[in-house]
């Protein structure tokens, strides 16, 4: 008996004696169309005694074709994977952002605190030296300002170390209105080598105003302080901080100055290290999350492949049963809900087989 697919025209030879069910269907190997054959519609040609020709219900065959109405399982798993990757990526970005933000905030706040502490330390040094100078002058009334640099003990009191590279110096506005330095770590800055500190305007250039403002605004009960740029030996300029305190009862002042880097350098180094650590941890975190996503993707791919394979297998076995192959052995390939479904299909197969056997006995 020849059966023709109504879609692609493929011809199949089918034994009519095997059509024992009221209706059977088979799947075309070329176009995957389902063709349904009803036993009660088989037409016999008595004159030619030829093999019975079944009447194929093509309309039923068209409507019996199984199609996925929604999204497939693989697509759903892939969509779930995309969402999972997006969530992991967002979480990773947030963690990295917070880590870098914390490192920057730690560095900024740490540097600010160090600067405040350094500024207070520089001011306290100026006040302490001013008190020591006052006591020494009171104890040595014969000491003149011209002898400040030559008196070793006085010089050691007036010129003290501040930080790593800083120092204190004694200066003042004298009776002729000129500002002169009387004790300094560099003798060339002191009078008479430099008889007027205003002459520093030339080497300092545009940076002189900041330096001069701090130096000359000090009063007996009102210290002055601030940042300025100082010219180095290589003609470059670096930021320095200076605090000036008046030596009570005199026309002289103590200037305490140093580079702020002396105090902030360790903190800046720590800040760089913390940023490097944060960057390294960010890279590690990104790699770890990428590995986790890859593992999850592999697991979902394997799981999805096995799931769809088992479903496809059960679908094919169901089609074989519908075509009358009641002896097909259904394998149970899993231990989950699909195993329950396979057992249910197997029981249905056995039930149909017993029903057909009873029907044949009655005939």
Protein backbone atom coordinates (compact mmCIF):
# COMPACT_ATOMS: atom_id res chain seq x y z
CA UNK A 1 0.00 0.00 0.00
CA UNK A 2 1.45 3.34 -1.09
CA UNK A 3 0.96 6.49 0.94
CA UNK A 4 1.86 9.93 -0.43
CA UNK A 5 2.79 12.88 1.76
CA UNK A 6 0.44 15.75 0.98
CA UNK A 7 3.15 18.34 1.47
CA UNK A 8 6.30 17.15 -0.25
CA UNK A 9 4.88 14.27 -2.34
CA UNK A 10 7.12 11.59 -0.86
CA UNK A 11 5.77 8.06 -1.39
CA UNK A 12 5.91 5.34 1.29
CA UNK A 13 5.05 1.63 1.22
CA UNK A 14 2.99 0.56 4.24
CA UNK A 15 1.66 -2.89 5.08
CA UNK A 16 -2.14 -2.47 5.57
CA UNK A 17 -2.22 -5.45 7.90
CA UNK A 18 -0.25 -3.41 10.42
CA UNK A 19 -2.96 -0.77 10.59
CA UNK A 20 -4.73 -2.25 13.59
CA UNK A 21 -5.55 0.94 15.43
CA UNK A 22 -8.57 3.07 14.47
CA UNK A 23 -6.17 5.80 13.38
CA UNK A 24 -2.44 5.88 12.94
CA UNK A 25 -0.04 8.53 11.81
CA UNK A 26 3.54 8.70 10.69
CA UNK A 27 6.11 11.44 10.26
CA UNK A 28 7.48 12.21 6.80
CA UNK A 29 11.25 11.85 6.82
CA UNK A 30 11.70 14.62 4.24
CA UNK A 31 9.50 17.44 5.46
CA UNK A 32 8.58 16.22 9.00
CA UNK A 33 4.88 16.50 8.14
CA UNK A 34 2.52 14.15 9.98
CA UNK A 35 0.15 12.03 7.86
CA UNK A 36 -2.85 10.38 9.56
CA UNK A 37 -4.44 7.19 8.20
CA UNK A 38 -7.90 6.12 9.43
CA UNK A 39 -8.61 2.38 9.26
CA UNK A 40 -12.34 2.79 8.63
CA UNK A 41 -11.60 4.92 5.54
CA UNK A 42 -9.50 2.29 3.70
CA UNK A 43 -10.91 1.76 0.15
CA UNK A 44 -10.69 -1.72 -1.51
CA UNK A 45 -10.68 -2.36 -5.28
CA UNK A 46 -12.55 -5.75 -5.53
CA UNK A 47 -12.14 -6.19 -9.36
CA UNK A 48 -8.39 -6.05 -9.39
CA UNK A 49 -7.90 -7.80 -6.01
CA UNK A 50 -5.08 -5.35 -5.47
CA UNK A 51 -3.85 -4.38 -2.09
CA UNK A 52 -6.23 -2.13 -0.24
CA UNK A 53 -5.66 1.57 -0.76
CA UNK A 54 -6.32 3.61 2.33
CA UNK A 55 -8.00 6.93 2.12
CA UNK A 56 -5.68 9.45 3.69
CA UNK A 57 -7.26 12.26 5.66
CA UNK A 58 -4.90 15.04 4.65
CA UNK A 59 -6.84 17.62 6.59
CA UNK A 60 -6.38 15.62 9.75
CA UNK A 61 -2.74 15.14 8.88
CA UNK A 62 -2.24 18.84 8.59
CA UNK A 63 -3.91 19.54 11.90
CA UNK A 64 -2.16 16.67 13.65
CA UNK A 65 1.29 18.14 13.10
CA UNK A 66 2.90 18.99 16.44
CA UNK A 67 4.34 22.46 16.63
CA UNK A 68 5.87 24.48 19.46
CA UNK A 69 3.47 27.30 20.13
CA UNK A 70 5.80 29.29 22.35
CA UNK A 71 9.51 29.53 22.94
CA UNK A 72 11.50 26.33 23.07
CA UNK A 73 13.31 25.04 26.13
CA UNK A 74 16.73 25.86 24.70
CA UNK A 75 15.67 29.40 23.99
CA UNK A 76 14.32 29.77 27.50
CA UNK A 77 17.55 28.41 28.98
CA UNK A 78 19.56 30.75 26.76
CA UNK A 79 17.38 33.68 27.80
CA UNK A 80 17.83 32.70 31.44
CA UNK A 81 21.60 32.57 30.87
CA UNK A 82 21.57 36.07 29.37
CA UNK A 83 19.70 37.40 32.41
CA UNK A 84 22.12 35.60 34.71
CA UNK A 85 25.12 37.07 32.90
CA UNK A 86 23.57 40.54 33.07
CA UNK A 87 22.97 40.19 36.82
CA UNK A 88 26.49 38.91 37.44
CA UNK A 89 27.98 41.65 35.26
CA UNK A 90 26.00 44.34 37.07
CA UNK A 91 27.04 42.94 40.44
CA UNK A 92 30.69 42.74 39.36
CA UNK A 93 30.63 46.31 38.05
CA UNK A 94 29.02 47.51 41.27
CA UNK A 95 31.58 45.71 43.45
CA UNK A 96 34.49 47.00 41.39
CA UNK A 97 33.07 50.52 41.41
CA UNK A 98 32.56 50.45 45.17
CA UNK A 99 36.02 49.00 45.73
CA UNK A 100 37.71 51.72 43.67
CA UNK A 101 35.50 54.39 45.21
CA UNK A 102 36.40 53.21 48.71
CA UNK A 103 40.10 53.19 47.85
CA UNK A 104 39.89 56.74 46.43
CA UNK A 105 37.91 57.99 49.40
CA UNK A 106 40.34 56.36 51.81
CA UNK A 107 43.25 58.02 50.03
CA UNK A 108 41.62 61.44 49.85
CA UNK A 109 40.47 61.47 53.46
CA UNK A 110 43.78 60.06 54.66
CA UNK A 111 45.73 62.73 52.79
CA UNK A 112 43.47 65.47 54.12
CA UNK A 113 43.86 64.26 57.71
CA UNK A 114 47.63 64.01 57.31
CA UNK A 115 47.76 67.54 55.94
CA UNK A 116 45.73 68.90 58.85
CA UNK A 117 47.98 67.13 61.33
CA UNK A 118 51.10 68.37 59.52
CA UNK A 119 49.84 71.96 59.46
CA UNK A 120 49.18 71.82 63.21
CA UNK A 121 52.61 70.30 63.81
CA UNK A 122 54.33 73.03 61.79
CA UNK A 123 52.43 75.73 63.68
CA UNK A 124 53.21 74.12 67.05
CA UNK A 125 56.90 73.96 66.10
CA UNK A 126 56.89 77.68 65.30
CA UNK A 127 55.26 78.50 68.67
CA UNK A 128 57.67 76.26 70.55
CA UNK A 129 60.77 77.78 68.90
CA UNK A 130 59.40 81.30 69.47
CA UNK A 131 59.13 80.59 73.20
CA UNK A 132 62.65 79.13 73.31
CA UNK A 133 64.07 82.16 71.46
CA UNK A 134 62.29 84.55 73.84
CA UNK A 135 63.78 82.78 76.86
CA UNK A 136 67.28 82.83 75.39
CA UNK A 137 67.11 86.53 74.49
CA UNK A 138 65.86 87.36 77.97
CA UNK A 139 68.70 85.31 79.44
CA UNK A 140 71.29 87.03 77.20
CA UNK A 141 70.38 90.72 76.96
CA UNK A 142 73.85 91.53 75.61
CA UNK A 143 73.21 89.47 72.44
CA UNK A 144 72.61 91.73 69.41
CA UNK A 145 70.71 90.83 66.26
CA UNK A 146 73.92 90.94 64.25
CA UNK A 147 75.27 88.14 66.48
CA UNK A 148 72.30 85.79 66.08
CA UNK A 149 73.98 83.74 63.37
CA UNK A 150 77.40 83.72 65.00
CA UNK A 151 76.08 82.56 68.37
CA UNK A 152 76.02 78.79 67.95
CA UNK A 153 73.61 78.09 70.82
CA UNK A 154 71.15 80.72 69.66
CA UNK A 155 71.41 79.51 66.08
CA UNK A 156 70.57 75.94 67.16
CA UNK A 157 67.52 77.21 69.02
CA UNK A 158 66.29 79.50 66.24
CA UNK A 159 67.02 77.09 63.40
CA UNK A 160 65.45 73.71 64.07
CA UNK A 161 64.42 70.84 61.83
CA UNK A 162 60.81 70.59 60.66
CA UNK A 163 59.74 67.33 59.07
CA UNK A 164 62.35 65.73 56.82
CA UNK A 165 63.60 68.76 54.90
CA UNK A 166 62.01 71.75 56.62
CA UNK A 167 63.43 74.21 59.13
CA UNK A 168 62.65 77.22 61.25
CA UNK A 169 64.13 80.68 60.75
CA UNK A 170 64.16 83.98 62.63
CA UNK A 171 63.30 87.19 60.80
CA UNK A 172 61.63 90.53 61.43
CA UNK A 173 60.82 94.00 60.25
CA UNK A 174 63.52 96.33 61.52
CA UNK A 175 63.47 100.04 62.31
CA UNK A 176 64.22 101.09 58.72
CA UNK A 177 61.12 99.24 57.52
CA UNK A 178 62.99 96.45 55.78
CA UNK A 179 62.36 92.76 56.42
CA UNK A 180 65.56 90.88 57.18
CA UNK A 181 66.41 87.32 58.15
CA UNK A 182 68.73 87.02 61.16
CA UNK A 183 68.91 83.22 61.58
CA UNK A 184 68.51 80.79 58.71
CA UNK A 185 69.78 77.40 57.55
CA UNK A 186 71.21 79.14 54.49
CA UNK A 187 73.54 82.05 55.41
CA UNK A 188 73.00 83.66 52.02
CA UNK A 189 69.42 84.42 53.05
CA UNK A 190 70.55 86.22 56.21
CA UNK A 191 71.61 89.82 56.60
CA UNK A 192 73.97 91.33 55.70
CA UNK A 193 74.24 88.89 52.73
CA UNK A 194 70.60 89.70 51.97
CA UNK A 195 69.80 93.09 53.44
CA UNK A 196 66.18 93.10 52.26
CA UNK A 197 63.95 90.02 51.89
CA UNK A 198 61.89 91.90 49.31
CA UNK A 199 64.69 91.16 46.86
CA UNK A 200 63.46 87.53 46.77
CA UNK A 201 60.74 88.75 44.42
CA UNK A 202 63.04 88.37 41.45
CA UNK A 203 63.90 84.66 41.86
CA UNK A 204 60.39 83.73 43.02
CA UNK A 205 58.66 85.70 40.28
CA UNK A 206 54.88 85.37 40.27
CA UNK A 207 55.09 83.06 43.31
CA UNK A 208 56.57 85.81 45.49
CA UNK A 209 53.23 87.37 46.47
CA UNK A 210 52.00 84.23 48.24
CA UNK A 211 55.26 83.85 50.14
CA UNK A 212 55.43 87.55 51.06
CA UNK A 213 51.83 87.69 52.24
CA UNK A 214 52.38 84.88 54.78
CA UNK A 215 55.72 86.30 55.90
CA UNK A 216 54.57 89.87 56.55
CA UNK A 217 51.04 89.51 57.92
CA UNK A 218 52.11 87.97 61.22
CA UNK A 219 51.19 89.96 64.34
CA UNK A 220 52.01 89.59 68.00
CA UNK A 221 48.79 87.75 68.87
CA UNK A 222 47.89 86.57 65.38
CA UNK A 223 50.11 83.99 63.63
CA UNK A 224 50.04 83.72 59.83
CA UNK A 225 50.06 80.51 57.80
CA UNK A 226 49.53 79.20 54.30
CA UNK A 227 50.95 77.51 51.21
CA UNK A 228 53.40 79.02 48.74
CA UNK A 229 55.75 77.90 45.98
CA UNK A 230 59.49 77.88 46.57
CA UNK A 231 62.14 77.77 43.89
CA UNK A 232 64.51 74.81 44.03
CA UNK A 233 68.14 74.62 42.95
CA UNK A 234 67.08 73.14 39.62
CA UNK A 235 64.84 76.22 39.06
CA UNK A 236 61.68 74.18 39.62
CA UNK A 237 58.96 75.18 42.11
CA UNK A 238 57.44 73.01 44.83
CA UNK A 239 54.62 73.62 47.29
CA UNK A 240 55.65 74.46 50.83
CA UNK A 241 53.66 75.28 53.95
CA UNK A 242 54.73 78.01 56.36
CA UNK A 243 53.54 79.14 59.77
CA UNK A 244 54.86 82.38 61.28
CA UNK A 245 54.67 83.26 65.01
CA UNK A 246 55.83 86.45 66.72
CA UNK A 247 58.46 86.25 69.46
CA UNK A 248 56.64 88.09 72.22
CA UNK A 249 58.20 91.33 73.35
CA UNK A 250 60.38 91.61 70.22
CA UNK A 251 60.19 92.69 66.58
CA UNK A 252 61.24 89.22 65.47
CA UNK A 253 59.21 86.28 64.22
CA UNK A 254 59.78 82.58 63.81
CA UNK A 255 58.91 81.06 60.44
CA UNK A 256 58.40 77.30 60.43
CA UNK A 257 58.29 75.90 56.89
CA UNK A 258 58.63 72.62 55.03
CA UNK A 259 57.41 70.69 52.04
CA UNK A 260 54.04 69.11 52.70
CA UNK A 261 55.29 66.07 50.83
CA UNK A 262 57.44 65.29 53.87
CA UNK A 263 54.23 64.38 55.68
CA UNK A 264 51.93 63.26 52.89
CA UNK A 265 54.40 61.12 50.93
CA UNK A 266 53.84 57.99 53.06
CA UNK A 267 50.09 58.47 52.74
CA UNK A 268 50.33 59.05 49.01
CA UNK A 269 52.44 55.90 48.70
CA UNK A 270 49.83 54.01 50.72
CA UNK A 271 47.12 55.48 48.50
CA UNK A 272 48.89 54.22 45.38
CA UNK A 273 49.31 50.80 46.94
CA UNK A 274 45.64 50.67 47.92
CA UNK A 275 44.62 51.63 44.39
CA UNK A 276 46.93 48.97 42.96
CA UNK A 277 45.43 46.40 45.32
CA UNK A 278 41.91 47.54 44.40
CA UNK A 279 42.76 47.22 40.70
CA UNK A 280 44.27 43.76 41.21
CA UNK A 281 41.24 42.64 43.21
CA UNK A 282 38.96 44.05 40.52
CA UNK A 283 40.74 41.96 37.90
CA UNK A 284 40.55 38.85 40.12
CA UNK A 285 36.87 39.51 40.76
CA UNK A 286 36.19 39.90 37.04
CA UNK A 287 38.04 36.66 36.24
CA UNK A 288 36.22 34.79 39.02
CA UNK A 289 32.81 35.99 37.87
CA UNK A 290 33.69 35.13 34.24
CA UNK A 291 34.66 31.61 35.30
CA UNK A 292 31.43 31.24 37.28
CA UNK A 293 29.37 32.43 34.31
CA UNK A 294 31.25 30.01 32.01
CA UNK A 295 30.63 27.09 34.38
CA UNK A 296 26.94 27.98 34.64
CA UNK A 297 26.72 28.28 30.84
CA UNK A 298 28.31 24.83 30.38
CA UNK A 299 25.99 23.29 32.97
CA UNK A 300 22.93 24.87 31.34
CA UNK A 301 24.12 23.80 27.89
CA UNK A 302 24.60 20.17 28.99
CA UNK A 303 21.37 20.15 30.97
CA UNK A 304 19.40 21.76 28.15
CA UNK A 305 20.84 19.32 25.60
CA UNK A 306 19.93 16.29 27.70
CA UNK A 307 16.50 17.66 28.51
CA UNK A 308 15.59 18.39 24.91
CA UNK A 309 17.07 15.04 23.78
CA UNK A 310 14.90 13.14 26.28
CA UNK A 311 11.81 15.09 25.29
CA UNK A 312 12.53 14.47 21.60
CA UNK A 313 13.02 10.76 22.30
CA UNK A 314 9.69 10.50 24.14
CA UNK A 315 7.99 12.40 21.33
CA UNK A 316 9.39 10.00 18.72
CA UNK A 317 8.35 6.96 20.77
CA UNK A 318 4.85 8.41 21.12
CA UNK A 319 4.69 8.83 17.33
CA UNK A 320 5.76 5.21 16.81
CA UNK A 321 3.02 4.04 19.16
CA UNK A 322 0.49 6.17 17.31
CA UNK A 323 1.56 4.44 14.05
CA UNK A 324 0.73 1.07 15.59
CA UNK A 325 4.18 0.01 16.77
CA UNK A 326 3.03 -1.26 20.15
CA UNK A 327 6.10 -3.39 20.69
CA UNK A 328 8.54 -0.49 20.83
CA UNK A 329 10.58 -0.51 24.01
CA UNK A 330 10.62 2.82 25.81
CA UNK A 331 13.86 3.42 27.67
CA UNK A 332 13.82 5.42 30.88
CA UNK A 333 16.84 7.71 30.53
CA UNK A 334 16.45 9.90 33.59
CA UNK A 335 15.28 9.90 37.18
CA UNK A 336 13.22 13.06 37.19
CA UNK A 337 9.78 14.08 35.97
CA UNK A 338 10.66 12.88 32.45
CA UNK A 339 11.11 9.38 33.89
CA UNK A 340 7.57 9.60 35.27
CA UNK A 341 6.35 10.71 31.85
CA UNK A 342 8.19 7.84 30.16
CA UNK A 343 6.61 5.34 32.56
CA UNK A 344 3.19 6.85 31.87
CA UNK A 345 3.70 6.52 28.10
CA UNK A 346 4.89 2.94 28.59
CA UNK A 347 1.77 2.12 30.63
CA UNK A 348 -0.36 3.74 27.93
CA UNK A 349 1.42 1.61 25.33
CA UNK A 350 0.73 -1.58 27.28
CA UNK A 351 -2.89 -0.56 27.86
CA UNK A 352 -3.44 0.06 24.13
CA UNK A 353 -1.72 -3.23 23.31
CA UNK A 354 -3.99 -5.18 25.70
CA UNK A 355 -7.06 -3.41 24.33
CA UNK A 356 -6.12 -4.38 20.77
CA UNK A 357 -5.55 -8.00 21.82
CA UNK A 358 -8.99 -8.15 23.46
CA UNK A 359 -10.55 -6.62 20.36
CA UNK A 360 -8.97 -9.25 18.13
CA UNK A 361 -10.21 -12.06 20.37
CA UNK A 362 -13.77 -10.73 20.16
CA UNK A 363 -13.55 -10.67 16.38
